[in-house]
Each structure stands twice: as C-alpha cells, then as structure tokens.
Amino acid sequence: MKKAASSAGEAVLGVRLSGAQRDAVAALRAAGADFIVLDLDSAMADALLEENVGSVLVLDAQADETTLRLAGGLGLDAIVTAVPDGPFTLARALELRRLSGISRTPLLAAARADAGASTLQVMRDSGVMGVIVRAGDIPSLGALRERIAALPSRGQRREERAEALLPAGVHHVHEEEEEEDE
C-alpha cells in the first residue's frame, strides 16, 4: 500500500477492502489510503465509523430503489459501479443517472485507464464525477488525465436551453357580433 501511495503522486488513492472492519480501515488510512471501497454484503457497519478516510460503496447498477435511497443516508463520499467494456449504450447511461439521482450521492465508475474520450464524456454526462482505475494502471494516469482535461465543456442542460417554439395550427374563433339596439 505504501509503495502505491508513493507512486500515485497527486492521485487520490483508494483500496477495495473485502469484509472491511474498522481496524483494517484505520490501518489502511495510516498507510496512505484516501478512501476505502466497501462491498455492501461483506463490509462491517463499523467500517463507516473510521474518520479521516473516505467511504465509497460498491453498488450494482440494478440495485433496487430502497437500497439506493438508504445508501444515500449513510454519509458516503461516493458510490462506485462498473462500466461495461462493451458499447456504452443509452440504457447504461440511464442506469448511471438512476444510481446517482436516487441515492443523491456522487458517482464514481470503475474504468480502464485507456478509456476513450467519447466514453469518458458520456460517463461524465451520465453523472459520473470521477473514475477509478486499477493499481496496475497508475503509470497510465497521466494520459487519462490529459484525455479528461481535453473533454469539451459540458453543454447547456436541457433546463437551461431556450425553449423551441414550434409552429402550431392557428385556430380562429368566430364570435358572433352582437347587434346594438338603438
């Protein structure tokens, strides 16, 4: 862990810990971990009690709504999910939006260090606030950071865009003129 921390430079360093317990989280924090990635089914609840280290929870994109809402109340720093190696479909983009929207928690996505600019842009536009790469990919972080920095700025959100006015059929209402009595 200390070797990875020294080679990570400015990168934020996290460790995925299966069966996490508070004492193991404390030891990793002391070794230089900035955050701990916890598994929902194996992490002990007391792992969230350790201070001065971030807590990130792994959730599947198909997690039910109740789990997402309750996870949002845990005080997590983020939720992480995997991004498929295959095509990044619109369905996948909506799954990511659902995760971050219902949980009201920042979303991180595990991604390959060689992810293309289009994939990174779609991830960002789907609510992903950061990417997580494997420790073996730390030497490739510089190139990944450059691709992220070169992404075009976010466009206006739909709510901020001017409304388009579409031509509609003109309806004429004929009112009968009232005759004046003289």
C-alpha atoms as a PDB file:
ATOM      1  CA  MET A   1       0.000   0.000   0.000  1.00  0.00           C
ATOM      2  CA  LYS A   2       2.766   2.443   0.889  1.00  0.00           C
ATOM      3  CA  LYS A   3       4.506   1.750  -2.454  1.00  0.00           C
ATOM      4  CA  ALA A   4       1.296   2.518  -4.351  1.00  0.00           C
ATOM      5  CA  ALA A   5       0.792   5.673  -2.280  1.00  0.00           C
ATOM      6  CA  SER A   6       4.266   6.934  -3.116  1.00  0.00           C
ATOM      7  CA  SER A   7       3.906   6.241  -6.860  1.00  0.00           C
ATOM      8  CA  ALA A   8       0.400   7.734  -7.077  1.00  0.00           C
ATOM      9  CA  GLY A   9       1.677  11.281  -6.691  1.00  0.00           C
ATOM     10  CA  GLU A  10      -1.270  13.681  -6.538  1.00  0.00           C
ATOM     11  CA  ALA A  11      -3.807  10.989  -7.398  1.00  0.00           C
ATOM     12  CA  VAL A  12      -6.398  10.156  -4.798  1.00  0.00           C
ATOM     13  CA  LEU A  13      -5.685   6.610  -3.667  1.00  0.00           C
ATOM     14  CA  GLY A  14      -8.311   4.113  -2.580  1.00  0.00           C
ATOM     15  CA  VAL A  15      -8.332   0.474  -1.608  1.00  0.00           C
ATOM     16  CA  ARG A  16     -11.107  -2.054  -2.086  1.00  0.00           C
ATOM     17  CA  LEU A  17     -11.422  -3.999   1.096  1.00  0.00           C
ATOM     18  CA  SER A  18     -13.486  -7.180   1.207  1.00  0.00           C
ATOM     19  CA  GLY A  19     -15.016  -7.879   4.606  1.00  0.00           C
ATOM     20  CA  ALA A  20     -13.896  -4.468   5.854  1.00  0.00           C
ATOM     21  CA  GLN A  21     -13.752  -3.883   9.580  1.00  0.00           C
ATOM     22  CA  ARG A  22     -12.930  -0.656  11.383  1.00  0.00           C
ATOM     23  CA  ASP A  23      -9.417  -1.687  12.440  1.00  0.00           C
ATOM     24  CA  ALA A  24      -8.451  -2.657   8.878  1.00  0.00           C
ATOM     25  CA  VAL A  25      -9.788   0.668   7.590  1.00  0.00           C
ATOM     26  CA  ALA A  26      -7.723   2.521  10.218  1.00  0.00           C
ATOM     27  CA  ALA A  27      -4.571   0.621   9.188  1.00  0.00           C
ATOM     28  CA  LEU A  28      -5.098   1.454   5.509  1.00  0.00           C
ATOM     29  CA  ARG A  29      -5.730   5.114   6.340  1.00  0.00           C
ATOM     30  CA  ALA A  30      -2.448   5.179   8.275  1.00  0.00           C
ATOM     31  CA  ALA A  31      -0.681   3.612   5.265  1.00  0.00           C
ATOM     32  CA  GLY A  32      -1.850   6.429   2.977  1.00  0.00           C
ATOM     33  CA  ALA A  33      -5.266   5.437   1.651  1.00  0.00           C
ATOM     34  CA  ASP A  34      -7.519   8.405   0.928  1.00  0.00           C
ATOM     35  CA  PHE A  35     -10.657   6.285   0.693  1.00  0.00           C
ATOM     36  CA  ILE A  36     -11.842   2.719   1.189  1.00  0.00           C
ATOM     37  CA  VAL A  37     -14.116   0.932  -1.257  1.00  0.00           C
ATOM     38  CA  LEU A  38     -16.613  -1.225   0.639  1.00  0.00           C
ATOM     39  CA  ASP A  39     -18.737  -4.137  -0.524  1.00  0.00           C
ATOM     40  CA  LEU A  40     -22.357  -3.961   0.575  1.00  0.00           C
ATOM     41  CA  ASP A  41     -22.647  -7.613   1.606  1.00  0.00           C
ATOM     42  CA  SER A  42     -19.260  -8.145   3.277  1.00  0.00           C
ATOM     43  CA  ALA A  43     -18.267  -4.837   4.923  1.00  0.00           C
ATOM     44  CA  MET A  44     -18.989  -4.484   8.603  1.00  0.00           C
ATOM     45  CA  ALA A  45     -21.109  -1.474   9.508  1.00  0.00           C
ATOM     46  CA  ASP A  46     -18.398  -0.204  11.882  1.00  0.00           C
ATOM     47  CA  ALA A  47     -16.085   0.340   8.893  1.00  0.00           C
ATOM     48  CA  LEU A  48     -18.014   3.562   8.255  1.00  0.00           C
ATOM     49  CA  LEU A  49     -17.131   4.881  11.721  1.00  0.00           C
ATOM     50  CA  GLU A  50     -13.442   5.467  10.926  1.00  0.00           C
ATOM     51  CA  GLU A  51     -12.746   9.173  10.433  1.00  0.00           C
ATOM     52  CA  ASN A  52     -10.324  10.947   8.081  1.00  0.00           C
ATOM     53  CA  VAL A  53     -10.790   8.397   5.320  1.00  0.00           C
ATOM     54  CA  GLY A  54     -13.394   8.441   2.591  1.00  0.00           C
ATOM     55  CA  SER A  55     -16.042   5.747   2.278  1.00  0.00           C
ATOM     56  CA  VAL A  56     -17.143   4.514  -1.112  1.00  0.00           C
ATOM     57  CA  LEU A  57     -19.741   1.786  -1.543  1.00  0.00           C
ATOM     58  CA  VAL A  58     -19.833  -0.618  -4.482  1.00  0.00           C
ATOM     59  CA  LEU A  59     -23.336  -0.968  -5.892  1.00  0.00           C
ATOM     60  CA  ASP A  60     -24.579  -2.764  -8.952  1.00  0.00           C
ATOM     61  CA  ALA A  61     -26.385  -0.606 -11.491  1.00  0.00           C
ATOM     62  CA  GLN A  62     -29.533  -2.676 -10.921  1.00  0.00           C
ATOM     63  CA  ALA A  63     -29.647  -2.024  -7.158  1.00  0.00           C
ATOM     64  CA  ASP A  64     -33.228  -1.559  -6.026  1.00  0.00           C
ATOM     65  CA  GLU A  65     -34.605   1.886  -5.258  1.00  0.00           C
ATOM     66  CA  THR A  66     -34.847   1.279  -1.497  1.00  0.00           C
ATOM     67  CA  THR A  67     -31.176   0.301  -1.282  1.00  0.00           C
ATOM     68  CA  LEU A  68     -30.174   3.392  -3.258  1.00  0.00           C
ATOM     69  CA  ARG A  69     -32.224   5.737  -1.090  1.00  0.00           C
ATOM     70  CA  LEU A  70     -30.921   4.205   2.157  1.00  0.00           C
ATOM     71  CA  ALA A  71     -27.313   4.203   0.901  1.00  0.00           C
ATOM     72  CA  GLY A  72     -27.686   7.932   0.292  1.00  0.00           C
ATOM     73  CA  GLY A  73     -28.303   8.409   4.013  1.00  0.00           C
ATOM     74  CA  LEU A  74     -25.103   6.655   5.108  1.00  0.00           C
ATOM     75  CA  GLY A  75     -22.886   9.707   4.653  1.00  0.00           C
ATOM     76  CA  LEU A  76     -20.859   8.051   1.908  1.00  0.00           C
ATOM     77  CA  ASP A  77     -18.389  10.064  -0.099  1.00  0.00           C
ATOM     78  CA  ALA A  78     -19.435   8.235  -3.254  1.00  0.00           C
ATOM     79  CA  ILE A  79     -20.953   5.157  -4.816  1.00  0.00           C
ATOM     80  CA  VAL A  80     -18.933   3.204  -7.353  1.00  0.00           C
ATOM     81  CA  THR A  81     -20.167   0.985 -10.137  1.00  0.00           C
ATOM     82  CA  ALA A  82     -18.558  -0.751 -13.082  1.00  0.00           C
ATOM     83  CA  VAL A  83     -18.777   0.470 -16.650  1.00  0.00           C
ATOM     84  CA  PRO A  84     -19.028  -2.365 -19.168  1.00  0.00           C
ATOM     85  CA  ASP A  85     -16.158  -2.991 -21.573  1.00  0.00           C
ATOM     86  CA  GLY A  86     -18.586  -3.168 -24.484  1.00  0.00           C
ATOM     87  CA  PRO A  87     -20.591  -0.400 -26.094  1.00  0.00           C
ATOM     88  CA  PHE A  88     -21.785   2.369 -23.811  1.00  0.00           C
ATOM     89  CA  THR A  89     -25.484   2.214 -24.623  1.00  0.00           C
ATOM     90  CA  LEU A  90     -28.145   4.751 -23.767  1.00  0.00           C
ATOM     91  CA  ALA A  91     -29.605   2.172 -21.354  1.00  0.00           C
ATOM     92  CA  ARG A  92     -26.279   2.087 -19.489  1.00  0.00           C
ATOM     93  CA  ALA A  93     -26.132   5.879 -19.362  1.00  0.00           C
ATOM     94  CA  LEU A  94     -29.608   5.960 -17.810  1.00  0.00           C
ATOM     95  CA  GLU A  95     -28.586   3.311 -15.251  1.00  0.00           C
ATOM     96  CA  LEU A  96     -25.753   5.582 -14.114  1.00  0.00           C
ATOM     97  CA  ARG A  97     -28.097   8.579 -13.879  1.00  0.00           C
ATOM     98  CA  ARG A  98     -30.527   6.442 -11.842  1.00  0.00           C
ATOM     99  CA  LEU A  99     -27.784   5.426  -9.378  1.00  0.00           C
ATOM    100  CA  SER A 100     -26.628   8.947  -8.677  1.00  0.00           C
ATOM    101  CA  GLY A 101     -30.086  10.509  -8.845  1.00  0.00           C
ATOM    102  CA  ILE A 102     -31.903   8.221  -6.429  1.00  0.00           C
ATOM    103  CA  SER A 103     -29.014   7.897  -3.970  1.00  0.00           C
ATOM    104  CA  ARG A 104     -28.176  11.612  -4.161  1.00  0.00           C
ATOM    105  CA  THR A 105     -24.558  10.570  -3.786  1.00  0.00           C
ATOM    106  CA  PRO A 106     -21.622  11.335  -6.099  1.00  0.00           C
ATOM    107  CA  LEU A 107     -20.958   8.517  -8.529  1.00  0.00           C
ATOM    108  CA  LEU A 108     -17.600   7.021  -9.386  1.00  0.00           C
ATOM    109  CA  ALA A 109     -17.188   4.439 -12.102  1.00  0.00           C
ATOM    110  CA  ALA A 110     -14.520   1.834 -12.495  1.00  0.00           C
ATOM    111  CA  ALA A 111     -12.969   2.358 -15.904  1.00  0.00           C
ATOM    112  CA  ARG A 112      -9.984   1.256 -17.889  1.00  0.00           C
ATOM    113  CA  ALA A 113      -7.055   3.658 -17.961  1.00  0.00           C
ATOM    114  CA  ASP A 114      -7.172   3.542 -21.763  1.00  0.00           C
ATOM    115  CA  ALA A 115     -10.858   4.580 -21.925  1.00  0.00           C
ATOM    116  CA  GLY A 116     -11.529   6.725 -24.970  1.00  0.00           C
ATOM    117  CA  ALA A 117     -12.599  10.348 -24.880  1.00  0.00           C
ATOM    118  CA  SER A 118     -16.138   9.540 -26.067  1.00  0.00           C
ATOM    119  CA  THR A 119     -16.642   7.017 -23.288  1.00  0.00           C
ATOM    120  CA  LEU A 120     -15.289   9.458 -20.705  1.00  0.00           C
ATOM    121  CA  GLN A 121     -17.553  12.243 -21.978  1.00  0.00           C
ATOM    122  CA  VAL A 122     -20.654  10.028 -21.902  1.00  0.00           C
ATOM    123  CA  MET A 123     -19.735   8.864 -18.408  1.00  0.00           C
ATOM    124  CA  ARG A 124     -19.390  12.482 -17.254  1.00  0.00           C
ATOM    125  CA  ASP A 125     -22.675  13.472 -18.857  1.00  0.00           C
ATOM    126  CA  SER A 126     -24.339  10.475 -17.156  1.00  0.00           C
ATOM    127  CA  GLY A 127     -23.448  11.712 -13.685  1.00  0.00           C
ATOM    128  CA  VAL A 128     -20.022  10.126 -13.117  1.00  0.00           C
ATOM    129  CA  MET A 129     -17.906  12.530 -11.058  1.00  0.00           C
ATOM    130  CA  GLY A 130     -14.681  10.515 -11.187  1.00  0.00           C
ATOM    131  CA  VAL A 131     -13.139   7.306 -12.424  1.00  0.00           C
ATOM    132  CA  ILE A 132     -11.435   4.551 -10.529  1.00  0.00           C
ATOM    133  CA  VAL A 133      -8.615   2.621 -12.178  1.00  0.00           C
ATOM    134  CA  ARG A 134      -6.734  -0.453 -11.072  1.00  0.00           C
ATOM    135  CA  ALA A 135      -3.442  -0.049  -9.198  1.00  0.00           C
ATOM    136  CA  GLY A 136      -1.564  -1.551 -12.150  1.00  0.00           C
ATOM    137  CA  ASP A 137      -2.796   1.325 -14.315  1.00  0.00           C
ATOM    138  CA  ILE A 138      -1.261   4.067 -12.137  1.00  0.00           C
ATOM    139  CA  PRO A 139       1.545   4.658 -14.687  1.00  0.00           C
ATOM    140  CA  SER A 140      -1.167   5.459 -17.299  1.00  0.00           C
ATOM    141  CA  LEU A 141      -2.901   8.080 -15.150  1.00  0.00           C
ATOM    142  CA  GLY A 142      -1.135  10.990 -16.850  1.00  0.00           C
ATOM    143  CA  ALA A 143      -2.579  10.101 -20.259  1.00  0.00           C
ATOM    144  CA  LEU A 144      -6.023   9.502 -18.747  1.00  0.00           C
ATOM    145  CA  ARG A 145      -5.922  12.905 -17.026  1.00  0.00           C
ATOM    146  CA  GLU A 146      -4.984  14.547 -20.327  1.00  0.00           C
ATOM    147  CA  ARG A 147      -7.958  12.914 -22.107  1.00  0.00           C
ATOM    148  CA  ILE A 148     -10.288  14.036 -19.328  1.00  0.00           C
ATOM    149  CA  ALA A 149      -8.907  17.596 -19.351  1.00  0.00           C
ATOM    150  CA  ALA A 150      -9.348  17.757 -23.150  1.00  0.00           C
ATOM    151  CA  LEU A 151     -13.057  16.876 -22.988  1.00  0.00           C
ATOM    152  CA  PRO A 152     -15.316  19.610 -24.314  1.00  0.00           C
ATOM    153  CA  SER A 153     -17.062  21.622 -21.641  1.00  0.00           C
ATOM    154  CA  ARG A 154     -20.497  20.490 -20.628  1.00  0.00           C
ATOM    155  CA  GLY A 155     -23.220  21.812 -22.876  1.00  0.00           C
ATOM    156  CA  GLN A 156     -26.215  23.620 -21.515  1.00  0.00           C
ATOM    157  CA  ARG A 157     -28.525  21.365 -19.661  1.00  0.00           C
ATOM    158  CA  ARG A 158     -31.927  20.925 -21.172  1.00  0.00           C
ATOM    159  CA  GLU A 159     -33.496  23.062 -18.427  1.00  0.00           C
ATOM    160  CA  GLU A 160     -31.126  25.929 -19.258  1.00  0.00           C
ATOM    161  CA  ARG A 161     -31.676  25.850 -23.016  1.00  0.00           C
ATOM    162  CA  ALA A 162     -34.022  28.265 -24.677  1.00  0.00           C
ATOM    163  CA  GLU A 163     -37.330  26.667 -25.455  1.00  0.00           C
ATOM    164  CA  ALA A 164     -38.007  25.891 -29.065  1.00  0.00           C
ATOM    165  CA  LEU A 165     -41.258  27.284 -30.355  1.00  0.00           C
ATOM    166  CA  LEU A 166     -42.827  25.014 -32.890  1.00  0.00           C
ATOM    167  CA  PRO A 167     -45.407  26.322 -35.322  1.00  0.00           C
ATOM    168  CA  ALA A 168     -48.867  25.213 -34.400  1.00  0.00           C
ATOM    169  CA  GLY A 169     -52.049  25.415 -36.359  1.00  0.00           C
ATOM    170  CA  VAL A 170     -53.770  28.728 -35.928  1.00  0.00           C
ATOM    171  CA  HIS A 171     -57.231  28.369 -34.524  1.00  0.00           C
ATOM    172  CA  HIS A 172     -59.712  31.048 -35.442  1.00  0.00           C
ATOM    173  CA  VAL A 173     -62.554  31.539 -33.088  1.00  0.00           C
ATOM    174  CA  HIS A 174     -65.541  33.197 -34.680  1.00  0.00           C
ATOM    175  CA  GLU A 175     -67.513  35.204 -32.246  1.00  0.00           C
ATOM    176  CA  GLU A 176     -70.917  36.356 -33.220  1.00  0.00           C
ATOM    177  CA  GLU A 177     -71.101  40.081 -33.194  1.00  0.00           C
ATOM    178  CA  GLU A 178     -73.799  41.399 -31.022  1.00  0.00           C
ATOM    179  CA  GLU A 179     -76.131  43.857 -32.641  1.00  0.00           C
ATOM    180  CA  GLU A 180     -76.550  47.039 -30.785  1.00  0.00           C
ATOM    181  CA  ASP A 181     -80.083  48.145 -30.039  1.00  0.00           C
ATOM    182  CA  GLU A 182     -80.749  51.752 -30.891  1.00  0.00           C
END
